[in-house]
Every structure is written in C-alpha cells, then in structure tokens.
Amino acid sequence: MMGVESQLVHIAGQITLVLLTLAILIAFVRLFIGPDQADRIVALDLISVLIVAYLAALSIYTGQRSYLDVAIAYALIAFLGTVALARFRERLAKERGGSEDTDEEGK
C-alpha cells in the first residue's frame, strides 16, 4: 500500500511529465515556424534541454537510474550539436560579409 508521500511523488511526477511534454510540443511549433534561423537553433536547444529534464523526471518517476545515464549522454551530444550549428551559422555570416540579422542593425 502506498503512503501519502509516495502518492504525492507519483502525482507530482505525472504532472511534471505532462507539462514537460507540453513544453516540448510548444518548442516544436517554434522550431517549425521560425521565423529566423536563430529562432530555430534556440528552439532546438530548448527541446534538447526539455528532453534531458524529461528523462530525469522519468528516472525519478519510474525509479530506474538508467534514464539518468541516457540523459547525461543526450545532454553531451545535444551540446555538441548546438555548438556545431552555431559555428556553422557564424561561418555562413562571415562568408556573406556580415551578420544575417539585419533587423537589429537598422535600428
């Protein structure tokens, strides 16, 4: 029989997983609609952070530590991917002779 504390952790875990799933879906909307390449890169990075948080919450919810190992490995790979995308965008901007964002320069 589950105690009150165990039930509270179970309910809090369910709510956390649902909210993280909702946040991931909202970030996917930003990833698809853009409007800028920088917005898409930030959305992709946010999705990565939310997936790591989801895996950590899932680890607590299920009591399996293996999800934490997956979360750490995913965080490392996602960080490298974000750095690679940022460097690629920077190199493209240099090849074009300046910054890609012209909205801020005109003001």
Protein backbone atom coordinates (compact mmCIF):
# COMPACT_ATOMS: atom_id res chain seq x y z
CA MET A 1 0.00 0.00 0.00
CA MET A 2 1.30 3.40 -0.98
CA GLY A 3 1.83 6.08 1.63
CA VAL A 4 0.77 9.69 1.30
CA GLU A 5 4.31 10.80 0.40
CA SER A 6 4.58 8.11 -2.26
CA GLN A 7 1.25 9.11 -3.77
CA LEU A 8 2.32 12.76 -3.77
CA VAL A 9 5.56 11.94 -5.60
CA HIS A 10 3.61 9.80 -8.07
CA ILE A 11 1.09 12.58 -8.83
CA ALA A 12 3.80 15.24 -8.99
CA GLY A 13 5.75 13.03 -11.39
CA GLN A 14 2.75 12.61 -13.66
CA ILE A 15 2.08 16.36 -13.70
CA THR A 16 5.75 17.09 -14.39
CA LEU A 17 5.90 14.65 -17.30
CA VAL A 18 2.73 16.09 -18.83
CA LEU A 19 3.98 19.68 -18.51
CA LEU A 20 7.37 18.79 -19.98
CA THR A 21 5.65 17.03 -22.89
CA LEU A 22 3.53 20.13 -23.49
CA ALA A 23 6.61 22.35 -23.38
CA ILE A 24 8.39 20.11 -25.90
CA LEU A 25 5.40 20.33 -28.25
CA ILE A 26 5.32 24.13 -27.97
CA ALA A 27 9.05 24.29 -28.67
CA PHE A 28 8.50 22.11 -31.76
CA VAL A 29 6.00 24.69 -33.01
CA ARG A 30 8.68 27.39 -32.66
CA LEU A 31 11.15 25.09 -34.42
CA PHE A 32 8.87 24.72 -37.42
CA ILE A 33 7.50 28.25 -37.77
CA GLY A 34 10.81 30.03 -37.15
CA PRO A 35 10.73 32.79 -38.39
CA ASP A 36 14.52 33.10 -38.29
CA GLN A 37 17.31 30.53 -38.37
CA ALA A 38 18.48 31.71 -34.94
CA ASP A 39 14.98 31.08 -33.54
CA ARG A 40 15.12 27.54 -34.86
CA ILE A 41 18.53 26.92 -33.30
CA VAL A 42 17.33 28.21 -29.93
CA ALA A 43 14.17 26.10 -30.18
CA LEU A 44 16.25 23.02 -30.95
CA ASP A 45 18.46 23.72 -27.95
CA LEU A 46 15.38 24.22 -25.77
CA ILE A 47 13.95 20.91 -26.95
CA SER A 48 17.22 19.23 -26.01
CA VAL A 49 17.15 20.72 -22.52
CA LEU A 50 13.50 19.72 -22.09
CA ILE A 51 14.25 16.16 -23.19
CA VAL A 52 17.04 15.93 -20.62
CA ALA A 53 14.63 17.24 -17.97
CA TYR A 54 12.01 14.75 -19.14
CA LEU A 55 14.46 11.86 -18.85
CA ALA A 56 15.48 12.99 -15.35
CA ALA A 57 11.84 13.27 -14.27
CA LEU A 58 11.10 9.88 -15.84
CA SER A 59 14.00 8.41 -13.89
CA ILE A 60 12.55 9.73 -10.63
CA TYR A 61 9.01 8.67 -11.59
CA THR A 62 9.94 5.10 -12.52
CA GLY A 63 12.80 4.68 -10.06
CA GLN A 64 15.18 3.48 -12.79
CA ARG A 65 18.61 5.10 -12.79
CA SER A 66 19.36 4.07 -16.36
CA TYR A 67 17.34 7.03 -17.64
CA LEU A 68 19.83 9.36 -15.95
CA ASP A 69 22.69 7.77 -17.91
CA VAL A 70 20.75 8.33 -21.12
CA ALA A 71 20.01 11.93 -20.09
CA ILE A 72 23.71 12.66 -19.48
CA ALA A 73 24.76 11.15 -22.80
CA TYR A 74 21.98 13.00 -24.64
CA ALA A 75 22.93 16.30 -22.99
CA LEU A 76 26.54 15.93 -24.16
CA ILE A 77 25.52 15.12 -27.72
CA ALA A 78 22.94 17.92 -27.80
CA PHE A 79 25.50 20.43 -26.56
CA LEU A 80 27.92 19.44 -29.30
CA GLY A 81 25.15 19.72 -31.87
CA THR A 82 24.22 23.20 -30.70
CA VAL A 83 27.83 24.35 -30.81
CA ALA A 84 28.20 22.90 -34.32
CA LEU A 85 25.07 24.70 -35.54
CA ALA A 86 26.20 27.99 -34.01
CA ARG A 87 29.64 27.72 -35.61
CA PHE A 88 28.07 26.86 -38.96
CA ARG A 89 25.79 29.89 -38.73
CA GLU A 90 28.74 32.09 -37.77
CA ARG A 91 30.77 30.83 -40.74
CA LEU A 92 27.85 31.45 -43.09
CA ALA A 93 27.51 35.01 -41.77
CA LYS A 94 31.23 35.66 -42.35
CA GLU A 95 31.01 34.33 -45.90
CA ARG A 96 28.10 36.66 -46.63
CA GLY A 97 30.09 39.62 -45.37
CA GLY A 98 28.30 40.39 -42.12
CA SER A 99 25.53 39.42 -39.80
CA GLU A 100 22.45 37.57 -41.02
CA ASP A 101 20.20 39.54 -38.67
CA THR A 102 19.55 42.87 -40.34
CA ASP A 103 16.60 43.79 -38.13
CA GLU A 104 18.76 44.95 -35.22
CA GLU A 105 21.31 46.79 -37.37
CA GLY A 106 18.76 49.11 -38.97
CA LYS A 107 17.52 50.44 -35.63
